[in-house]
Structure formats: structure tokens, C-alpha cells
PDB file of N, CA and C in Angstrom:
ATOM      1  N   MET A   1      76.094 165.387 136.869  1.00  0.00           N
ATOM      2  CA  MET A   1      76.946 165.576 137.621  1.00  0.00           C
ATOM      3  C   MET A   1      77.358 166.748 138.565  1.00  0.00           C
ATOM      4  N   THR A   2      77.006 166.874 140.016  1.00  0.00           N
ATOM      5  CA  THR A   2      77.307 167.468 141.175  1.00  0.00           C
ATOM      6  C   THR A   2      78.159 167.249 142.138  1.00  0.00           C
ATOM      7  N   TYR A   3      78.646 168.711 142.373  1.00  0.00           N
ATOM      8  CA  TYR A   3      80.256 168.828 143.294  1.00  0.00           C
ATOM      9  C   TYR A   3      79.233 169.110 144.560  1.00  0.00           C
ATOM     10  N   ASP A   4      79.377 168.468 145.652  1.00  0.00           N
ATOM     11  CA  ASP A   4      78.389 168.364 146.639  1.00  0.00           C
ATOM     12  C   ASP A   4      78.975 167.692 147.636  1.00  0.00           C
ATOM     13  N   PRO A   5      79.936 168.045 148.061  1.00  0.00           N
ATOM     14  CA  PRO A   5      80.630 167.304 149.274  1.00  0.00           C
ATOM     15  C   PRO A   5      80.306 168.167 150.640  1.00  0.00           C
ATOM     16  N   HIS A   6      80.211 167.126 151.772  1.00  0.00           N
ATOM     17  CA  HIS A   6      80.137 167.737 152.901  1.00  0.00           C
ATOM     18  C   HIS A   6      80.621 166.851 153.946  1.00  0.00           C
ATOM     19  N   PRO A   7      81.241 167.593 155.011  1.00  0.00           N
ATOM     20  CA  PRO A   7      82.330 166.885 156.087  1.00  0.00           C
ATOM     21  C   PRO A   7      81.600 166.066 157.077  1.00  0.00           C
ATOM     22  N   ASP A   8      80.601 165.203 156.332  1.00  0.00           N
ATOM     23  CA  ASP A   8      79.624 164.547 157.886  1.00  0.00           C
ATOM     24  C   ASP A   8      79.888 162.909 157.993  1.00  0.00           C
ATOM     25  N   GLY A   9      81.197 162.605 157.129  1.00  0.00           N
ATOM     26  CA  GLY A   9      81.065 161.225 157.118  1.00  0.00           C
ATOM     27  C   GLY A   9      80.782 160.221 156.112  1.00  0.00           C
ATOM     28  N   ALA A  10      79.926 160.921 155.383  1.00  0.00           N
ATOM     29  CA  ALA A  10      79.171 159.990 154.427  1.00  0.00           C
ATOM     30  C   ALA A  10      79.933 160.252 153.149  1.00  0.00           C
ATOM     31  N   PRO A  11      80.369 159.340 151.901  1.00  0.00           N
ATOM     32  CA  PRO A  11      80.512 159.652 150.724  1.00  0.00           C
ATOM     33  C   PRO A  11      79.310 160.706 150.126  1.00  0.00           C
ATOM     34  N   ASP A  12      80.113 161.484 149.545  1.00  0.00           N
ATOM     35  CA  ASP A  12      79.362 162.464 148.697  1.00  0.00           C
ATOM     36  C   ASP A  12      80.046 162.816 147.259  1.00  0.00           C
ATOM     37  N   PRO A  13      79.538 162.859 146.502  1.00  0.00           N
ATOM     38  CA  PRO A  13      80.526 163.398 145.261  1.00  0.00           C
ATOM     39  C   PRO A  13      81.129 165.038 145.008  1.00  0.00           C
ATOM     40  N   GLY A  14      82.169 164.433 144.797  1.00  0.00           N
ATOM     41  CA  GLY A  14      83.553 165.642 145.118  1.00  0.00           C
ATOM     42  C   GLY A  14      84.475 165.340 145.925  1.00  0.00           C
ATOM     43  N   GLU A  15      84.139 164.114 146.721  1.00  0.00           N
ATOM     44  CA  GLU A  15      84.609 163.575 147.413  1.00  0.00           C
ATOM     45  C   GLU A  15      85.850 162.507 146.873  1.00  0.00           C
ATOM     46  N   ILE A  16      87.041 162.014 147.550  1.00  0.00           N
ATOM     47  CA  ILE A  16      87.829 161.142 146.857  1.00  0.00           C
ATOM     48  C   ILE A  16      87.792 160.294 148.510  1.00  0.00           C
ATOM     49  N   VAL A  17      87.366 158.729 147.614  1.00  0.00           N
ATOM     50  CA  VAL A  17      86.723 157.638 149.113  1.00  0.00           C
ATOM     51  C   VAL A  17      88.050 156.440 148.279  1.00  0.00           C
ATOM     52  N   TRP A  18      88.130 155.703 149.389  1.00  0.00           N
ATOM     53  CA  TRP A  18      88.718 154.519 149.207  1.00  0.00           C
ATOM     54  C   TRP A  18      87.519 153.272 149.528  1.00  0.00           C
ATOM     55  N   THR A  19      87.684 152.519 148.587  1.00  0.00           N
ATOM     56  CA  THR A  19      87.071 151.668 148.009  1.00  0.00           C
ATOM     57  C   THR A  19      87.464 150.342 147.297  1.00  0.00           C
ATOM     58  N   ARG A  20      86.803 149.209 147.529  1.00  0.00           N
ATOM     59  CA  ARG A  20      87.191 148.135 146.115  1.00  0.00           C
ATOM     60  C   ARG A  20      86.573 148.295 144.738  1.00  0.00           C
ATOM     61  N   VAL A  21      87.568 148.064 143.922  1.00  0.00           N
ATOM     62  CA  VAL A  21      87.341 148.454 142.855  1.00  0.00           C
ATOM     63  C   VAL A  21      87.676 147.704 141.950  1.00  0.00           C
ATOM     64  N   PRO A  22      86.956 146.476 141.497  1.00  0.00           N
ATOM     65  CA  PRO A  22      87.368 145.101 140.446  1.00  0.00           C
ATOM     66  C   PRO A  22      87.776 145.407 139.361  1.00  0.00           C
ATOM     67  N   TYR A  23      88.314 144.038 139.305  1.00  0.00           N
ATOM     68  CA  TYR A  23      89.578 144.387 137.807  1.00  0.00           C
ATOM     69  C   TYR A  23      88.336 143.963 136.765  1.00  0.00           C
ATOM     70  N   GLU A  24      88.869 144.795 135.943  1.00  0.00           N
ATOM     71  CA  GLU A  24      88.211 144.784 134.507  1.00  0.00           C
ATOM     72  C   GLU A  24      87.996 142.921 133.652  1.00  0.00           C
ATOM     73  N   ASP A  25      89.022 142.732 133.920  1.00  0.00           N
ATOM     74  CA  ASP A  25      89.448 140.947 133.400  1.00  0.00           C
ATOM     75  C   ASP A  25      88.763 140.114 134.055  1.00  0.00           C
ATOM     76  N   ASP A  26      88.362 140.369 135.284  1.00  0.00           N
ATOM     77  CA  ASP A  26      88.431 139.222 136.588  1.00  0.00           C
ATOM     78  C   ASP A  26      87.304 140.339 137.706  1.00  0.00           C
ATOM     79  N   PRO A  27      86.098 140.397 137.094  1.00  0.00           N
ATOM     80  CA  PRO A  27      85.374 141.058 138.337  1.00  0.00           C
ATOM     81  C   PRO A  27      85.112 140.453 139.622  1.00  0.00           C
ATOM     82  N   SER A  28      85.614 139.384 139.672  1.00  0.00           N
ATOM     83  CA  SER A  28      85.414 138.737 141.091  1.00  0.00           C
ATOM     84  C   SER A  28      86.383 138.986 142.053  1.00  0.00           C
ATOM     85  N   ARG A  29      87.502 139.771 141.337  1.00  0.00           N
ATOM     86  CA  ARG A  29      88.760 139.921 142.044  1.00  0.00           C
ATOM     87  C   ARG A  29      89.050 141.752 141.699  1.00  0.00           C
ATOM     88  N   GLY A  30      89.613 142.214 142.673  1.00  0.00           N
ATOM     89  CA  GLY A  30      89.421 143.537 142.774  1.00  0.00           C
ATOM     90  C   GLY A  30      90.716 144.301 143.862  1.00  0.00           C
ATOM     91  N   LYS A  31      90.512 145.152 143.470  1.00  0.00           N
ATOM     92  CA  LYS A  31      92.027 146.042 144.827  1.00  0.00           C
ATOM     93  C   LYS A  31      91.507 147.253 145.333  1.00  0.00           C
ATOM     94  N   ASP A  32      91.680 147.467 146.299  1.00  0.00           N
ATOM     95  CA  ASP A  32      91.340 148.544 147.047  1.00  0.00           C
ATOM     96  C   ASP A  32      92.315 150.057 146.809  1.00  0.00           C
ATOM     97  N   ARG A  33      91.333 150.882 146.358  1.00  0.00           N
ATOM     98  CA  ARG A  33      92.234 152.270 145.545  1.00  0.00           C
ATOM     99  C   ARG A  33      91.210 153.244 145.705  1.00  0.00           C
ATOM    100  N   PRO A  34      91.433 154.405 145.533  1.00  0.00           N
ATOM    101  CA  PRO A  34      91.351 155.727 145.407  1.00  0.00           C
ATOM    102  C   PRO A  34      90.294 156.167 144.264  1.00  0.00           C
ATOM    103  N   VAL A  35      88.982 156.474 144.869  1.00  0.00           N
ATOM    104  CA  VAL A  35      88.101 157.043 143.590  1.00  0.00           C
ATOM    105  C   VAL A  35      87.400 157.857 143.582  1.00  0.00           C
ATOM    106  N   LEU A  36      87.613 158.996 142.525  1.00  0.00           N
ATOM    107  CA  LEU A  36      86.570 160.403 143.068  1.00  0.00           C
ATOM    108  C   LEU A  36      85.352 160.147 142.328  1.00  0.00           C
ATOM    109  N   LEU A  37      84.553 160.424 143.536  1.00  0.00           N
ATOM    110  CA  LEU A  37      83.354 160.256 143.427  1.00  0.00           C
ATOM    111  C   LEU A  37      82.618 161.617 142.842  1.00  0.00           C
ATOM    112  N   ILE A  38      81.801 161.343 141.372  1.00  0.00           N
ATOM    113  CA  ILE A  38      81.332 162.651 140.430  1.00  0.00           C
ATOM    114  C   ILE A  38      79.913 162.617 140.706  1.00  0.00           C
ATOM    115  N   ALA A  39      78.694 161.651 140.964  1.00  0.00           N
ATOM    116  CA  ALA A  39      77.278 161.477 141.189  1.00  0.00           C
ATOM    117  C   ALA A  39      76.848 160.618 141.777  1.00  0.00           C
ATOM    118  N   ARG A  40      75.569 161.019 141.876  1.00  0.00           N
ATOM    119  CA  ARG A  40      74.420 160.085 142.824  1.00  0.00           C
ATOM    120  C   ARG A  40      73.718 159.454 141.862  1.00  0.00           C
ATOM    121  N   THR A  41      73.203 158.095 142.118  1.00  0.00           N
ATOM    122  CA  THR A  41      72.258 157.160 141.154  1.00  0.00           C
ATOM    123  C   THR A  41      71.635 156.507 142.393  1.00  0.00           C
ATOM    124  N   GLY A  42      70.639 156.694 143.023  1.00  0.00           N
ATOM    125  CA  GLY A  42      69.743 156.517 143.359  1.00  0.00           C
ATOM    126  C   GLY A  42      70.539 156.120 144.874  1.00  0.00           C
ATOM    127  N   ASP A  43      70.826 155.025 145.485  1.00  0.00           N
ATOM    128  CA  ASP A  43      71.458 154.949 146.548  1.00  0.00           C
ATOM    129  C   ASP A  43      72.414 154.849 146.680  1.00  0.00           C
ATOM    130  N   ASP A  44      73.154 154.713 145.421  1.00  0.00           N
ATOM    131  CA  ASP A  44      74.570 154.257 144.858  1.00  0.00           C
ATOM    132  C   ASP A  44      75.324 155.645 144.445  1.00  0.00           C
ATOM    133  N   LEU A  45      76.825 155.420 144.214  1.00  0.00           N
ATOM    134  CA  LEU A  45      77.277 156.630 143.734  1.00  0.00           C
ATOM    135  C   LEU A  45      78.244 156.061 142.312  1.00  0.00           C
ATOM    136  N   VAL A  46      78.659 157.273 141.454  1.00  0.00           N
ATOM    137  CA  VAL A  46      79.376 156.951 140.346  1.00  0.00           C
ATOM    138  C   VAL A  46      80.507 157.412 140.762  1.00  0.00           C
ATOM    139  N   GLY A  47      81.847 156.548 140.550  1.00  0.00           N
ATOM    140  CA  GLY A  47      83.140 157.265 141.101  1.00  0.00           C
ATOM    141  C   GLY A  47      83.954 156.952 139.609  1.00  0.00           C
ATOM    142  N   LEU A  48      84.929 157.665 139.576  1.00  0.00           N
ATOM    143  CA  LEU A  48      86.444 157.311 138.650  1.00  0.00           C
ATOM    144  C   LEU A  48      87.218 156.666 139.245  1.00  0.00           C
ATOM    145  N   MET A  49      88.171 155.627 138.975  1.00  0.00           N
ATOM    146  CA  MET A  49      89.154 155.196 139.618  1.00  0.00           C
ATOM    147  C   MET A  49      90.530 156.229 139.662  1.00  0.00           C
ATOM    148  N   MET A  50      91.474 155.625 140.647  1.00  0.00           N
ATOM    149  CA  MET A  50      92.885 156.871 140.499  1.00  0.00           C
ATOM    150  C   MET A  50      93.507 155.781 140.688  1.00  0.00           C
ATOM    151  N   THR A  51      94.792 156.500 140.315  1.00  0.00           N
ATOM    152  CA  THR A  51      96.209 155.767 140.356  1.00  0.00           C
ATOM    153  C   THR A  51      97.233 156.991 140.532  1.00  0.00           C
ATOM    154  N   SER A  52      98.509 156.379 141.243  1.00  0.00           N
ATOM    155  CA  SER A  52      99.193 157.611 141.443  1.00  0.00           C
ATOM    156  C   SER A  52     100.347 156.999 140.599  1.00  0.00           C
ATOM    157  N   LYS A  53     100.177 155.853 139.570  1.00  0.00           N
ATOM    158  CA  LYS A  53     101.145 155.329 138.343  1.00  0.00           C
ATOM    159  C   LYS A  53     100.669 156.836 137.307  1.00  0.00           C
ATOM    160  N   ASP A  54     102.169 157.095 136.788  1.00  0.00           N
ATOM    161  CA  ASP A  54     101.794 158.361 135.607  1.00  0.00           C
ATOM    162  C   ASP A  54     101.766 157.301 134.172  1.00  0.00           C
ATOM    163  N   HIS A  55     100.669 157.974 133.696  1.00  0.00           N
ATOM    164  CA  HIS A  55     100.549 157.524 132.497  1.00  0.00           C
ATOM    165  C   HIS A  55     100.679 157.980 130.885  1.00  0.00           C
ATOM    166  N   ASP A  56     101.255 159.346 131.411  1.00  0.00           N
ATOM    167  CA  ASP A  56     101.707 160.691 130.559  1.00  0.00           C
ATOM    168  C   ASP A  56     102.714 160.193 129.673  1.00  0.00           C
ATOM    169  N   ARG A  57     103.788 159.186 130.290  1.00  0.00           N
ATOM    170  CA  ARG A  57     104.485 158.419 129.251  1.00  0.00           C
ATOM    171  C   ARG A  57     104.188 157.476 128.517  1.00  0.00           C
ATOM    172  N   ASP A  58     103.306 157.018 128.885  1.00  0.00           N
ATOM    173  CA  ASP A  58     102.334 155.462 127.790  1.00  0.00           C
ATOM    174  C   ASP A  58     101.396 155.647 127.424  1.00  0.00           C
ATOM    175  N   ILE A  59     100.959 157.651 127.249  1.00  0.00           N
ATOM    176  CA  ILE A  59      99.637 157.825 126.624  1.00  0.00           C
ATOM    177  C   ILE A  59      98.865 157.146 125.448  1.00  0.00           C
ATOM    178  N   GLU A  60     100.071 157.105 124.449  1.00  0.00           N
ATOM    179  CA  GLU A  60      99.692 156.691 123.194  1.00  0.00           C
ATOM    180  C   GLU A  60      99.297 155.063 123.250  1.00  0.00           C
ATOM    181  N   GLN A  61      99.859 154.297 123.854  1.00  0.00           N
ATOM    182  CA  GLN A  61      99.294 153.140 124.307  1.00  0.00           C
ATOM    183  C   GLN A  61      98.686 152.717 124.958  1.00  0.00           C
ATOM    184  N   GLU A  62      98.243 153.715 125.884  1.00  0.00           N
ATOM    185  CA  GLU A  62      97.002 153.473 126.677  1.00  0.00           C
ATOM    186  C   GLU A  62      95.790 154.160 125.718  1.00  0.00           C
ATOM    187  N   ALA A  63      95.998 154.700 125.053  1.00  0.00           N
ATOM    188  CA  ALA A  63      94.729 155.133 124.064  1.00  0.00           C
ATOM    189  C   ALA A  63      94.192 153.785 123.487  1.00  0.00           C
ATOM    190  N   ARG A  64      95.374 153.233 122.983  1.00  0.00           N
ATOM    191  CA  ARG A  64      95.179 151.945 121.960  1.00  0.00           C
ATOM    192  C   ARG A  64      94.341 151.337 122.265  1.00  0.00           C
ATOM    193  N   ASP A  65      94.552 150.931 124.316  1.00  0.00           N
ATOM    194  CA  ASP A  65      94.057 150.244 124.883  1.00  0.00           C
ATOM    195  C   ASP A  65      92.621 150.582 125.411  1.00  0.00           C
ATOM    196  N   GLY A  66      92.489 151.614 124.919  1.00  0.00           N
ATOM    197  CA  GLY A  66      91.292 152.289 125.018  1.00  0.00           C
ATOM    198  C   GLY A  66      91.078 152.532 126.626  1.00  0.00           C
ATOM    199  N   ARG A  67      92.323 153.459 127.365  1.00  0.00           N
ATOM    200  CA  ARG A  67      92.245 154.031 128.289  1.00  0.00           C
ATOM    201  C   ARG A  67      92.468 155.156 128.512  1.00  0.00           C
ATOM    202  N   PHE A  68      91.658 156.218 128.784  1.00  0.00           N
ATOM    203  CA  PHE A  68      92.202 157.570 128.727  1.00  0.00           C
ATOM    204  C   PHE A  68      92.230 158.350 130.428  1.00  0.00           C
ATOM    205  N   TRP A  69      93.378 159.143 130.473  1.00  0.00           N
ATOM    206  CA  TRP A  69      93.793 159.741 131.667  1.00  0.00           C
ATOM    207  C   TRP A  69      93.658 160.848 131.921  1.00  0.00           C
ATOM    208  N   PHE A  70      93.189 161.688 133.166  1.00  0.00           N
ATOM    209  CA  PHE A  70      93.433 163.044 133.557  1.00  0.00           C
ATOM    210  C   PHE A  70      94.010 163.306 134.851  1.00  0.00           C
ATOM    211  N   ASP A  71      95.114 163.887 134.424  1.00  0.00           N
ATOM    212  CA  ASP A  71      95.941 164.260 135.857  1.00  0.00           C
ATOM    213  C   ASP A  71      95.311 165.167 136.980  1.00  0.00           C
ATOM    214  N   VAL A  72      95.288 165.092 138.274  1.00  0.00           N
ATOM    215  CA  VAL A  72      94.532 165.641 139.106  1.00  0.00           C
ATOM    216  C   VAL A  72      95.620 166.354 140.288  1.00  0.00           C
ATOM    217  N   GLY A  73      96.723 165.698 140.167  1.00  0.00           N
ATOM    218  CA  GLY A  73      97.633 166.441 140.849  1.00  0.00           C
ATOM    219  C   GLY A  73      97.567 165.754 142.497  1.00  0.00           C
ATOM    220  N   SER A  74      98.361 166.343 143.185  1.00  0.00           N
ATOM    221  CA  SER A  74      98.201 165.546 144.272  1.00  0.00           C
ATOM    222  C   SER A  74      97.734 166.015 145.486  1.00  0.00           C
ATOM    223  N   GLY A  75      97.215 165.376 146.464  1.00  0.00           N
ATOM    224  CA  GLY A  75      96.065 165.742 147.740  1.00  0.00           C
ATOM    225  C   GLY A  75      96.289 164.871 148.657  1.00  0.00           C
ATOM    226  N   PRO A  76      95.669 164.969 149.544  1.00  0.00           N
ATOM    227  CA  PRO A  76      95.698 164.217 151.014  1.00  0.00           C
ATOM    228  C   PRO A  76      95.515 162.635 150.917  1.00  0.00           C
ATOM    229  N   TRP A  77      94.363 162.192 149.764  1.00  0.00           N
ATOM    230  CA  TRP A  77      94.059 161.404 149.694  1.00  0.00           C
ATOM    231  C   TRP A  77      95.374 159.982 149.275  1.00  0.00           C
ATOM    232  N   ASP A  78      96.318 160.634 148.961  1.00  0.00           N
ATOM    233  CA  ASP A  78      97.740 159.960 149.140  1.00  0.00           C
ATOM    234  C   ASP A  78      98.519 159.905 150.191  1.00  0.00           C
ATOM    235  N   GLY A  79      98.908 159.397 150.697  1.00  0.00           N
ATOM    236  CA  GLY A  79      99.751 159.464 152.014  1.00  0.00           C
ATOM    237  C   GLY A  79     100.975 160.008 151.724  1.00  0.00           C
ATOM    238  N   ALA A  80     101.442 159.582 151.002  1.00  0.00           N
ATOM    239  CA  ALA A  80     103.117 159.972 150.142  1.00  0.00           C
ATOM    240  C   ALA A  80     102.722 161.199 149.218  1.00  0.00           C
ATOM    241  N   GLY A  81     101.821 162.149 149.049  1.00  0.00           N
ATOM    242  CA  GLY A  81     101.955 163.324 148.433  1.00  0.00           C
ATOM    243  C   GLY A  81     102.033 163.057 146.740  1.00  0.00           C
ATOM    244  N   ARG A  82     102.209 161.734 146.325  1.00  0.00           N
ATOM    245  CA  ARG A  82     102.300 161.470 144.795  1.00  0.00           C
ATOM    246  C   ARG A  82     101.083 162.049 144.290  1.00  0.00           C
ATOM    247  N   PRO A  83     101.897 162.839 142.878  1.00  0.00           N
ATOM    248  CA  PRO A  83     100.158 163.277 142.176  1.00  0.00           C
ATOM    249  C   PRO A  83      99.283 161.791 141.644  1.00  0.00           C
ATOM    250  N   SER A  84      98.141 162.115 141.234  1.00  0.00           N
ATOM    251  CA  SER A  84      97.278 161.179 141.035  1.00  0.00           C
ATOM    252  C   SER A  84      96.923 161.548 139.473  1.00  0.00           C
ATOM    253  N   GLU A  85      96.233 160.343 138.398  1.00  0.00           N
ATOM    254  CA  GLU A  85      95.319 160.353 138.059  1.00  0.00           C
ATOM    255  C   GLU A  85      93.984 159.662 137.728  1.00  0.00           C
ATOM    256  N   VAL A  86      92.619 160.493 137.407  1.00  0.00           N
ATOM    257  CA  VAL A  86      91.862 159.493 137.181  1.00  0.00           C
ATOM    258  C   VAL A  86      91.479 159.086 135.906  1.00  0.00           C
ATOM    259  N   ARG A  87      90.854 157.448 135.827  1.00  0.00           N
ATOM    260  CA  ARG A  87      90.275 157.238 134.769  1.00  0.00           C
ATOM    261  C   ARG A  87      88.860 157.507 133.974  1.00  0.00           C
ATOM    262  N   LEU A  88      89.313 158.190 132.960  1.00  0.00           N
ATOM    263  CA  LEU A  88      88.050 158.757 132.450  1.00  0.00           C
ATOM    264  C   LEU A  88      86.729 157.737 132.003  1.00  0.00           C
ATOM    265  N   ASN A  89      87.126 156.721 131.295  1.00  0.00           N
ATOM    266  CA  ASN A  89      86.553 155.870 130.773  1.00  0.00           C
ATOM    267  C   ASN A  89      86.023 154.198 131.266  1.00  0.00           C
ATOM    268  N   ARG A  90      86.079 154.850 132.707  1.00  0.00           N
ATOM    269  CA  ARG A  90      85.238 153.160 133.269  1.00  0.00           C
ATOM    270  C   ARG A  90      84.721 154.364 134.678  1.00  0.00           C
ATOM    271  N   LEU A  91      83.721 154.092 134.447  1.00  0.00           N
ATOM    272  CA  LEU A  91      82.596 154.978 135.551  1.00  0.00           C
ATOM    273  C   LEU A  91      82.854 153.381 136.688  1.00  0.00           C
ATOM    274  N   ILE A  92      82.786 153.552 137.628  1.00  0.00           N
ATOM    275  CA  ILE A  92      82.616 152.398 138.791  1.00  0.00           C
ATOM    276  C   ILE A  92      81.118 153.109 139.575  1.00  0.00           C
ATOM    277  N   THR A  93      80.446 152.031 140.178  1.00  0.00           N
ATOM    278  CA  THR A  93      79.107 151.743 140.869  1.00  0.00           C
ATOM    279  C   THR A  93      80.171 151.731 142.213  1.00  0.00           C
ATOM    280  N   VAL A  94      79.512 152.946 143.269  1.00  0.00           N
ATOM    281  CA  VAL A  94      80.253 152.596 144.609  1.00  0.00           C
ATOM    282  C   VAL A  94      78.896 152.674 145.525  1.00  0.00           C
ATOM    283  N   HIS A  95      78.730 151.499 146.329  1.00  0.00           N
ATOM    284  CA  HIS A  95      77.872 151.525 147.136  1.00  0.00           C
ATOM    285  C   HIS A  95      78.292 151.934 148.469  1.00  0.00           C
ATOM    286  N   PRO A  96      78.159 152.914 149.060  1.00  0.00           N
ATOM    287  CA  PRO A  96      77.775 153.479 150.508  1.00  0.00           C
ATOM    288  C   PRO A  96      78.373 153.047 151.438  1.00  0.00           C
ATOM    289  N   VAL A  97      77.811 151.780 151.744  1.00  0.00           N
ATOM    290  CA  VAL A  97      78.504 150.409 152.569  1.00  0.00           C
ATOM    291  C   VAL A  97      79.594 149.692 152.339  1.00  0.00           C
ATOM    292  N   ASP A  98      80.582 150.237 150.832  1.00  0.00           N
ATOM    293  CA  ASP A  98      81.622 149.578 150.601  1.00  0.00           C
ATOM    294  C   ASP A  98      82.545 150.831 150.980  1.00  0.00           C
ATOM    295  N   VAL A  99      82.488 151.931 151.258  1.00  0.00           N
ATOM    296  CA  VAL A  99      83.413 152.890 151.498  1.00  0.00           C
ATOM    297  C   VAL A  99      84.339 152.411 152.680  1.00  0.00           C
ATOM    298  N   ARG A 100      85.421 152.391 152.540  1.00  0.00           N
ATOM    299  CA  ARG A 100      86.441 151.971 153.628  1.00  0.00           C
ATOM    300  C   ARG A 100      86.771 153.230 154.046  1.00  0.00           C
ATOM    301  N   ARG A 101      87.188 154.152 153.778  1.00  0.00           N
ATOM    302  CA  ARG A 101      87.395 155.297 154.332  1.00  0.00           C
ATOM    303  C   ARG A 101      87.221 156.695 153.460  1.00  0.00           C
ATOM    304  N   GLU A 102      86.776 158.056 153.865  1.00  0.00           N
ATOM    305  CA  GLU A 102      87.032 159.026 153.148  1.00  0.00           C
ATOM    306  C   GLU A 102      88.689 159.379 152.989  1.00  0.00           C
ATOM    307  N   GLY A 103      89.030 159.916 151.947  1.00  0.00           N
ATOM    308  CA  GLY A 103      90.157 160.082 151.392  1.00  0.00           C
ATOM    309  C   GLY A 103      90.777 161.761 151.631  1.00  0.00           C
ATOM    310  N   ALA A 104      89.763 162.756 151.112  1.00  0.00           N
ATOM    311  CA  ALA A 104      89.714 164.349 150.979  1.00  0.00           C
ATOM    312  C   ALA A 104      88.536 164.732 150.210  1.00  0.00           C
ATOM    313  N   VAL A 105      88.066 166.141 149.817  1.00  0.00           N
ATOM    314  CA  VAL A 105      87.555 166.307 148.905  1.00  0.00           C
ATOM    315  C   VAL A 105      88.609 167.126 147.800  1.00  0.00           C
ATOM    316  N   LEU A 106      88.345 167.007 146.605  1.00  0.00           N
ATOM    317  CA  LEU A 106      88.528 167.304 145.534  1.00  0.00           C
ATOM    318  C   LEU A 106      88.228 168.706 145.697  1.00  0.00           C
ATOM    319  N   ASP A 107      89.216 169.972 145.271  1.00  0.00           N
ATOM    320  CA  ASP A 107      88.654 170.952 145.134  1.00  0.00           C
ATOM    321  C   ASP A 107      87.823 171.381 144.014  1.00  0.00           C
ATOM    322  N   ARG A 108      87.194 172.405 143.989  1.00  0.00           N
ATOM    323  CA  ARG A 108      86.165 172.433 143.097  1.00  0.00           C
ATOM    324  C   ARG A 108      86.877 172.729 141.541  1.00  0.00           C
ATOM    325  N   SER A 109      87.818 173.442 141.456  1.00  0.00           N
ATOM    326  CA  SER A 109      88.765 173.626 140.079  1.00  0.00           C
ATOM    327  C   SER A 109      88.721 172.480 139.274  1.00  0.00           C
ATOM    328  N   ARG A 110      89.318 171.638 140.152  1.00  0.00           N
ATOM    329  CA  ARG A 110      90.096 170.169 139.473  1.00  0.00           C
ATOM    330  C   ARG A 110      88.891 168.933 139.404  1.00  0.00           C
ATOM    331  N   PHE A 111      87.656 169.347 140.034  1.00  0.00           N
ATOM    332  CA  PHE A 111      86.573 168.395 139.960  1.00  0.00           C
ATOM    333  C   PHE A 111      86.349 169.104 138.469  1.00  0.00           C
ATOM    334  N   ASP A 112      85.716 170.209 138.131  1.00  0.00           N
ATOM    335  CA  ASP A 112      85.298 170.653 137.048  1.00  0.00           C
ATOM    336  C   ASP A 112      86.216 170.279 136.156  1.00  0.00           C
ATOM    337  N   ALA A 113      87.163 170.286 136.076  1.00  0.00           N
ATOM    338  CA  ALA A 113      88.533 169.892 134.996  1.00  0.00           C
ATOM    339  C   ALA A 113      88.066 168.469 134.652  1.00  0.00           C
ATOM    340  N   VAL A 114      87.815 167.602 135.596  1.00  0.00           N
ATOM    341  CA  VAL A 114      87.512 166.006 135.112  1.00  0.00           C
ATOM    342  C   VAL A 114      86.452 165.942 134.606  1.00  0.00           C
ATOM    343  N   ILE A 115      85.318 166.718 135.099  1.00  0.00           N
ATOM    344  CA  ILE A 115      84.028 166.470 134.644  1.00  0.00           C
ATOM    345  C   ILE A 115      83.978 166.818 133.395  1.00  0.00           C
ATOM    346  N   SER A 116      84.619 168.180 132.954  1.00  0.00           N
ATOM    347  CA  SER A 116      85.042 168.438 131.679  1.00  0.00           C
ATOM    348  C   SER A 116      85.875 167.794 130.259  1.00  0.00           C
ATOM    349  N   ALA A 117      86.606 166.777 131.009  1.00  0.00           N
ATOM    350  CA  ALA A 117      87.680 166.119 130.376  1.00  0.00           C
ATOM    351  C   ALA A 117      86.440 164.599 129.759  1.00  0.00           C
ATOM    352  N   LEU A 118      85.771 164.393 131.155  1.00  0.00           N
ATOM    353  CA  LEU A 118      84.907 162.777 131.229  1.00  0.00           C
ATOM    354  C   LEU A 118      83.990 163.087 129.990  1.00  0.00           C
ATOM    355  N   GLY A 119      83.084 164.246 129.397  1.00  0.00           N
ATOM    356  CA  GLY A 119      82.459 164.365 128.023  1.00  0.00           C
ATOM    357  C   GLY A 119      83.246 163.774 127.176  1.00  0.00           C
ATOM    358  N   GLU A 120      84.411 163.947 126.840  1.00  0.00           N
ATOM    359  CA  GLU A 120      85.233 163.668 125.548  1.00  0.00           C
ATOM    360  C   GLU A 120      85.323 161.776 125.559  1.00  0.00           C
ATOM    361  N   HIS A 121      84.989 161.036 126.652  1.00  0.00           N
ATOM    362  CA  HIS A 121      85.751 159.796 126.815  1.00  0.00           C
ATOM    363  C   HIS A 121      84.471 159.034 127.509  1.00  0.00           C
ATOM    364  N   LEU A 122      83.540 159.425 127.807  1.00  0.00           N
ATOM    365  CA  LEU A 122      82.222 158.049 128.670  1.00  0.00           C
ATOM    366  C   LEU A 122      82.395 157.043 127.787  1.00  0.00           C
ATOM    367  N   PRO A 123      81.614 155.987 128.340  1.00  0.00           N
ATOM    368  CA  PRO A 123      81.818 154.889 127.852  1.00  0.00           C
ATOM    369  C   PRO A 123      80.417 154.701 126.978  1.00  0.00           C
TER     370      PRO A 123
END
């Protein structure tokens, strides 16, 4: 996993992009949401879905249900400036052609903190 954002209009690790994320229980359906890109794999990218829902209040239930989250704070990827979390134990394959728009670059220190936390929860 490499931090490698470039302001060139193409999605890169370290950037937050908006793309369709399939639902776990029905992959034929999904939701457009922000995704933190963390790596490249061939022509595709690997990302972690993001949410503005605060899971700290129900952290024990989330863990029982097999969902683990990490706070990344707020940034320009959320127009309302809400704090966000990334889900650590669900890797998303992102095809560059499916990226609707780039949201922002996550700063290096927060990216490194996510990668460090990710090691404990990889599927």
C-alpha cells in the first residue's frame, strides 16, 4: 500500500473518490459513496468505503456484526464538513472508469494511520 496522490484527474492511492459501492447482501445493488483508495492492483485500485455515520456510539454492536471502523476526521470530500470513518475490514475493488469524481487527497499522516489500523482487520 503506497501513498501516491497526483492532481491529474486520475484516481490514485491516497485520494478519496466517489464511486458505486455494492451492498454486501446484494452486490447487484449499491450506493454512490466516498472511497479512500489505498493501493493499485493491475489496472484497478483497492479502496475502503467511507461514511459520515458515527459508529463510535455502537462500536460493540458493529464489532459483533464484523464491522470495524476508523475515524479519519473531516475534509473536502464531504460538502457538509462532517467527520468521516473508513471501514477497515471490507476491501473494495475500484475500476478507474467507474470513478464519478475525485473528492480530495487525504493527508499523509491520516493515510498512514488508516494503513496501520488496517493491518488488524484485513479480511
